[in-house]
Amino acid sequence: MKTKNMFILLALLVVFMSGCIDQKREITLEEPGNISSYEYEVFLNDSNNETLANTTTYYILEDKVDVQAVHLVINSSELEIFPPESLGGGSDEEPIKNFVHLVEPTNVTVADPDTFMRLSNSTNVSEMNYTLTQDVVQGMRVVTLEFEEPVTGFIAYTLETPGTQTFTFMRPDSEFIRVVLPEGYVTGNRVFGIARPSPSNTTIDEEGRQTLLWISSEMREREEAIQVKYYTESAPMYFFAAIIALLAGVVIVLTRYSRSKKELESVREIFELEKEYDEKKKRKNK
């Protein structure tokens, strides 16, 4: 009996291990990424001493289907990417697309604004070798980018999302996390949508886009995911205009009802007076 149970446990272990092995696979990107399609901002967090830190910026495009992620990495050899296909977007075969890496080996470069400005003006992707693997960890799909050695520079790719006005993502291993909303969209109204957890700072960039900032060291351990619900700037105005129009309609209806009621009461009084007059006339004739 013990031997039989041992065989069953071994069989289950083999099945489990084979399933785990099958889930992990290497990703091959067929086409090189388009460098010019991304914004490579050297984010300094308003620091006077111009120090840099690992930063991830998500640019939500106007179609609300694609989101561009641009990582400013410093001395990193591995990056974890969480595609949002669990929310209805993305592809199992192509979890990321338009992949671009403008990086240099950390041991031959200096992580300062000048280096990143030079890399942002590059016309060719780096020749650093890398591997992309996809795996399922604790029920979540994870894409791991690995370089042969630590690198410094920009890493960019595009994620496909469900196309709703809600963007949810796992907190990456970056000190600064930024979300740039499409032009003409905002967040922060509790009726129409807010960001959870609350961002550390909210600004408007030169193009009029609302930009949200989170600082990882200031976030609690439970806040593993960030969700941003956004809406058009005109949505509150149209909403309140509709409310005012509805209230005005109600006032008009009540006014007409009150007027009609008074007219009916006047007619009823006249009718009652005529009826009373006729009764008096009948009694007099008798």
Protein backbone atom coordinates (compact mmCIF):
# COMPACT_ATOMS: atom_id res chain seq x y z
CA MET A 1 0.00 0.00 0.00
CA LYS A 2 2.83 2.36 0.89
CA THR A 3 4.61 1.50 -2.35
CA LYS A 4 1.46 2.27 -4.36
CA ASN A 5 1.06 5.65 -2.66
CA MET A 6 4.71 6.41 -3.32
CA PHE A 7 4.27 5.66 -7.04
CA ILE A 8 1.19 7.92 -7.16
CA LEU A 9 3.11 10.78 -5.52
CA LEU A 10 6.02 10.33 -7.92
CA ALA A 11 3.64 10.33 -10.90
CA LEU A 12 1.96 13.51 -9.71
CA LEU A 13 5.37 15.11 -9.18
CA VAL A 14 6.46 14.18 -12.72
CA VAL A 15 3.24 15.61 -14.18
CA PHE A 16 3.64 18.80 -12.14
CA MET A 17 7.27 19.23 -13.15
CA SER A 18 6.55 18.57 -16.82
CA GLY A 19 3.77 21.13 -16.72
CA CYS A 20 6.14 23.71 -15.26
CA ILE A 21 8.75 22.94 -17.89
CA ASP A 22 6.22 23.23 -20.70
CA GLN A 23 5.05 26.61 -19.47
CA LYS A 24 8.47 28.21 -19.80
CA ARG A 25 9.55 28.94 -23.34
CA GLU A 26 11.84 31.27 -25.21
CA ILE A 27 10.33 34.10 -27.25
CA THR A 28 11.73 35.01 -30.65
CA LEU A 29 10.83 38.42 -32.05
CA GLU A 30 10.62 38.31 -35.84
CA GLU A 31 11.01 42.03 -36.58
CA PRO A 32 13.34 44.63 -35.04
CA GLY A 33 11.70 47.45 -33.14
CA ASN A 34 11.19 50.96 -34.46
CA ILE A 35 13.40 53.29 -32.43
CA SER A 36 11.62 56.47 -33.51
CA SER A 37 8.24 55.31 -32.21
CA TYR A 38 9.21 55.87 -28.56
CA GLU A 39 9.90 58.80 -26.24
CA TYR A 40 13.18 58.48 -24.37
CA GLU A 41 12.86 60.90 -21.47
CA VAL A 42 15.75 61.26 -19.04
CA PHE A 43 13.70 61.48 -15.86
CA LEU A 44 15.50 63.15 -12.93
CA ASN A 45 12.56 63.55 -10.50
CA ASP A 46 13.33 67.27 -10.10
CA SER A 47 16.61 66.39 -8.44
CA ASN A 48 19.13 69.22 -8.13
CA ASN A 49 22.12 66.90 -8.18
CA GLU A 50 20.88 65.20 -11.38
CA THR A 51 20.99 61.68 -9.95
CA LEU A 52 19.30 58.94 -11.92
CA ALA A 53 17.38 55.87 -10.77
CA ASN A 54 15.65 52.95 -12.48
CA THR A 55 12.47 54.41 -13.96
CA THR A 56 9.55 52.87 -15.86
CA THR A 57 7.25 55.09 -17.89
CA TYR A 58 4.01 53.85 -19.48
CA TYR A 59 2.64 55.93 -22.35
CA ILE A 60 -1.02 55.12 -22.97
CA LEU A 61 -1.71 55.77 -26.64
CA GLU A 62 -4.80 57.53 -27.93
CA ASP A 63 -6.32 54.29 -29.26
CA LYS A 64 -6.31 53.00 -25.63
CA VAL A 65 -5.30 49.59 -27.01
CA ASP A 66 -1.51 49.91 -27.06
CA VAL A 67 0.67 51.03 -24.18
CA GLN A 68 4.32 51.86 -24.72
CA ALA A 69 6.66 51.02 -21.85
CA VAL A 70 10.05 52.72 -21.67
CA HIS A 71 12.50 51.63 -18.97
CA LEU A 72 15.47 53.71 -17.90
CA VAL A 73 17.74 50.99 -16.49
CA ILE A 74 20.95 51.40 -14.54
CA ASN A 75 23.30 48.48 -13.97
CA SER A 76 20.66 45.80 -14.60
CA SER A 77 20.97 42.46 -16.34
CA GLU A 78 17.37 41.24 -15.90
CA LEU A 79 13.97 42.81 -16.32
CA GLU A 80 10.58 41.24 -15.57
CA ILE A 81 7.62 42.22 -17.75
CA PHE A 82 4.01 41.42 -16.81
CA PRO A 83 1.86 41.44 -19.99
CA PRO A 84 -1.76 42.39 -19.23
CA GLU A 85 -3.30 39.53 -21.24
CA SER A 86 -4.99 38.33 -18.05
CA LEU A 87 -7.16 41.46 -18.36
CA GLY A 88 -8.25 40.67 -21.90
CA GLY A 89 -5.34 42.07 -23.89
CA GLY A 90 -2.04 40.84 -25.24
CA SER A 91 -1.14 37.65 -27.04
CA ASP A 92 0.32 34.39 -25.80
CA GLU A 93 2.46 34.10 -28.93
CA GLU A 94 3.56 37.76 -28.93
CA PRO A 95 3.20 39.17 -25.38
CA ILE A 96 5.32 42.21 -26.29
CA LYS A 97 6.03 43.86 -29.62
CA ASN A 98 8.21 46.58 -31.15
CA PHE A 99 11.05 45.73 -28.77
CA VAL A 100 13.93 48.24 -28.67
CA HIS A 101 17.07 48.23 -26.53
CA LEU A 102 19.47 51.18 -26.49
CA VAL A 103 21.92 49.96 -23.87
CA GLU A 104 25.63 49.71 -23.17
CA PRO A 105 27.61 47.49 -20.81
CA THR A 106 27.67 49.07 -17.38
CA ASN A 107 31.43 48.61 -17.04
CA VAL A 108 32.16 50.85 -20.05
CA THR A 109 29.63 53.64 -19.55
CA VAL A 110 28.68 56.24 -16.96
CA ALA A 111 25.07 56.44 -15.72
CA ASP A 112 24.59 60.18 -16.09
CA PRO A 113 22.13 62.39 -18.04
CA ASP A 114 24.64 62.95 -20.86
CA THR A 115 24.92 59.20 -21.50
CA PHE A 116 21.16 58.77 -21.64
CA MET A 117 20.75 61.80 -23.88
CA ARG A 118 23.31 60.30 -26.28
CA LEU A 119 21.54 56.94 -26.24
CA SER A 120 18.14 58.59 -26.83
CA ASN A 121 19.50 59.99 -30.09
CA SER A 122 20.76 56.63 -31.33
CA THR A 123 19.62 55.47 -34.76
CA ASN A 124 20.48 51.79 -34.30
CA VAL A 125 19.63 49.32 -31.57
CA SER A 126 22.42 48.00 -29.39
CA GLU A 127 24.37 44.87 -30.29
CA MET A 128 24.06 43.42 -26.80
CA ASN A 129 22.89 39.81 -26.80
CA TYR A 130 19.73 39.05 -24.84
CA THR A 131 17.13 36.35 -24.29
CA LEU A 132 13.38 36.65 -23.81
CA THR A 133 11.57 33.86 -21.96
CA GLN A 134 7.94 33.49 -21.00
CA ASP A 135 6.80 31.65 -17.91
CA VAL A 136 3.83 31.35 -15.56
CA VAL A 137 4.64 32.17 -11.94
CA GLN A 138 1.92 31.89 -9.29
CA GLY A 139 -0.74 31.96 -11.99
CA MET A 140 0.66 35.10 -13.65
CA ARG A 141 2.38 35.27 -17.02
CA VAL A 142 5.85 36.79 -16.79
CA VAL A 143 8.25 37.70 -19.60
CA THR A 144 11.87 37.83 -18.46
CA LEU A 145 14.46 39.83 -20.39
CA GLU A 146 18.06 38.81 -19.64
CA PHE A 147 21.32 40.29 -20.90
CA GLU A 148 24.67 38.53 -20.73
CA GLU A 149 25.99 41.25 -18.43
CA PRO A 150 24.63 44.28 -16.55
CA VAL A 151 23.65 47.12 -18.86
CA THR A 152 22.67 50.78 -18.63
CA GLY A 153 20.34 52.57 -21.04
CA PHE A 154 16.80 52.45 -22.44
CA ILE A 155 14.58 49.40 -22.97
CA ALA A 156 11.27 49.92 -24.74
CA TYR A 157 8.42 47.72 -25.93
CA THR A 158 4.68 47.87 -26.61
CA LEU A 159 1.96 46.03 -24.70
CA GLU A 160 -1.53 45.31 -25.98
CA THR A 161 -4.32 46.09 -23.48
CA PRO A 162 -8.07 45.37 -23.44
CA GLY A 163 -8.88 48.82 -24.88
CA THR A 164 -10.87 50.09 -21.92
CA GLN A 165 -10.19 53.33 -20.07
CA THR A 166 -8.55 51.38 -17.25
CA PHE A 167 -4.88 50.48 -17.16
CA THR A 168 -3.67 47.95 -14.60
CA PHE A 169 -0.13 46.68 -14.22
CA MET A 170 2.14 45.03 -11.70
CA ARG A 171 4.57 47.30 -9.92
CA PRO A 172 7.90 46.76 -11.71
CA ASP A 173 11.32 46.71 -10.10
CA SER A 174 11.86 50.45 -10.58
CA GLU A 175 12.24 53.24 -8.07
CA PHE A 176 10.12 55.62 -10.13
CA ILE A 177 6.96 54.53 -11.95
CA ARG A 178 5.19 56.91 -14.30
CA VAL A 179 1.99 56.77 -16.35
CA VAL A 180 1.41 59.32 -19.11
CA LEU A 181 -2.26 59.57 -20.10
CA PRO A 182 -3.35 60.36 -23.67
CA GLU A 183 -3.81 64.03 -24.46
CA GLY A 184 -7.28 65.17 -23.44
CA TYR A 185 -7.65 62.50 -20.72
CA VAL A 186 -7.30 62.88 -16.95
CA THR A 187 -7.91 60.98 -13.74
CA GLY A 188 -8.66 61.93 -10.14
CA ASN A 189 -12.44 62.39 -10.05
CA ARG A 190 -14.01 59.78 -7.74
CA VAL A 191 -17.15 59.69 -9.87
CA PHE A 192 -15.36 59.03 -13.16
CA GLY A 193 -12.16 57.31 -12.07
CA ILE A 194 -9.09 57.55 -9.87
CA ALA A 195 -5.67 55.95 -9.59
CA ARG A 196 -5.04 53.32 -6.93
CA PRO A 197 -2.91 53.63 -4.94
CA SER A 198 -2.78 57.41 -5.02
CA PRO A 199 0.24 58.69 -6.95
CA SER A 200 2.99 60.59 -5.19
CA ASN A 201 2.75 63.41 -7.70
CA THR A 202 0.62 64.52 -10.65
CA THR A 203 1.85 66.95 -13.30
CA ILE A 204 1.08 68.16 -16.82
CA ASP A 205 3.87 67.76 -19.38
CA GLU A 206 4.79 70.09 -22.24
CA GLU A 207 2.27 68.39 -24.54
CA GLY A 208 -0.58 68.89 -22.08
CA ARG A 209 -0.68 65.25 -20.98
CA GLN A 210 -1.39 64.35 -17.37
CA THR A 211 1.51 62.41 -15.87
CA LEU A 212 1.26 60.33 -12.69
CA LEU A 213 4.26 59.38 -10.56
CA TRP A 214 4.71 56.65 -7.96
CA ILE A 215 7.84 56.11 -5.86
CA SER A 216 8.39 52.45 -5.01
CA SER A 217 10.18 53.12 -1.73
CA GLU A 218 7.11 55.03 -0.51
CA MET A 219 4.62 52.32 -1.44
CA ARG A 220 3.45 49.63 0.94
CA GLU A 221 4.21 45.95 0.34
CA ARG A 222 0.52 45.17 -0.26
CA GLU A 223 0.39 47.64 -3.15
CA GLU A 224 1.76 45.19 -5.71
CA ALA A 225 -0.50 46.45 -8.52
CA ILE A 226 -1.31 49.92 -9.80
CA GLN A 227 -4.62 50.72 -11.49
CA VAL A 228 -5.46 53.93 -13.33
CA LYS A 229 -9.02 54.70 -14.42
CA TYR A 230 -9.09 57.71 -16.71
CA TYR A 231 -11.66 59.71 -18.67
CA THR A 232 -11.91 62.63 -21.07
CA GLU A 233 -11.43 66.09 -19.57
CA SER A 234 -14.87 67.11 -20.83
CA ALA A 235 -16.66 64.14 -19.22
CA PRO A 236 -17.45 65.91 -15.90
CA MET A 237 -18.65 69.02 -17.74
CA TYR A 238 -20.97 67.02 -19.98
CA PHE A 239 -22.12 64.96 -17.03
CA PHE A 240 -23.01 67.98 -14.93
CA ALA A 241 -24.57 69.65 -17.99
CA ALA A 242 -26.75 66.56 -18.40
CA ILE A 243 -27.67 66.68 -14.70
CA ILE A 244 -28.60 70.37 -15.01
CA ALA A 245 -30.63 69.65 -18.14
CA LEU A 246 -32.38 66.80 -16.33
CA LEU A 247 -33.14 69.00 -13.33
CA ALA A 248 -34.36 71.77 -15.64
CA GLY A 249 -36.62 69.24 -17.34
CA VAL A 250 -37.98 68.14 -13.98
CA VAL A 251 -38.63 71.77 -12.99
CA ILE A 252 -40.44 72.41 -16.29
CA VAL A 253 -42.58 69.29 -15.85
CA LEU A 254 -43.42 70.21 -12.24
CA THR A 255 -44.22 73.79 -13.27
CA ARG A 256 -46.51 72.61 -16.05
CA TYR A 257 -48.11 70.12 -13.69
CA SER A 258 -48.71 72.83 -11.10
CA ARG A 259 -50.13 75.17 -13.74
CA SER A 260 -52.37 72.45 -15.17
CA LYS A 261 -53.54 71.56 -11.66
CA LYS A 262 -54.47 75.17 -10.97
CA GLU A 263 -56.33 75.42 -14.28
CA LEU A 264 -58.22 72.23 -13.49
CA GLU A 265 -59.09 73.54 -10.02
CA SER A 266 -60.37 76.79 -11.60
CA VAL A 267 -62.51 74.83 -14.05
CA ARG A 268 -63.78 72.66 -11.22
CA GLU A 269 -64.71 75.73 -9.17
CA ILE A 270 -66.59 77.20 -12.12
CA PHE A 271 -68.36 73.89 -12.64
CA GLU A 272 -69.29 73.72 -8.95
CA LEU A 273 -70.62 77.30 -9.06
CA GLU A 274 -72.70 76.56 -12.16
CA LYS A 275 -74.03 73.41 -10.54
CA GLU A 276 -74.93 75.28 -7.38
CA TYR A 277 -76.63 78.01 -9.43
CA ASP A 278 -78.70 75.46 -11.33
CA GLU A 279 -79.80 73.80 -8.10
CA LYS A 280 -80.87 77.13 -6.62
CA LYS A 281 -82.75 77.95 -9.79
CA LYS A 282 -84.57 74.61 -9.68
CA ARG A 283 -85.56 75.10 -6.05
CA LYS A 284 -86.85 78.60 -6.83
CA ASN A 285 -88.98 77.39 -9.72
CA LYS A 286 -90.63 74.84 -7.48
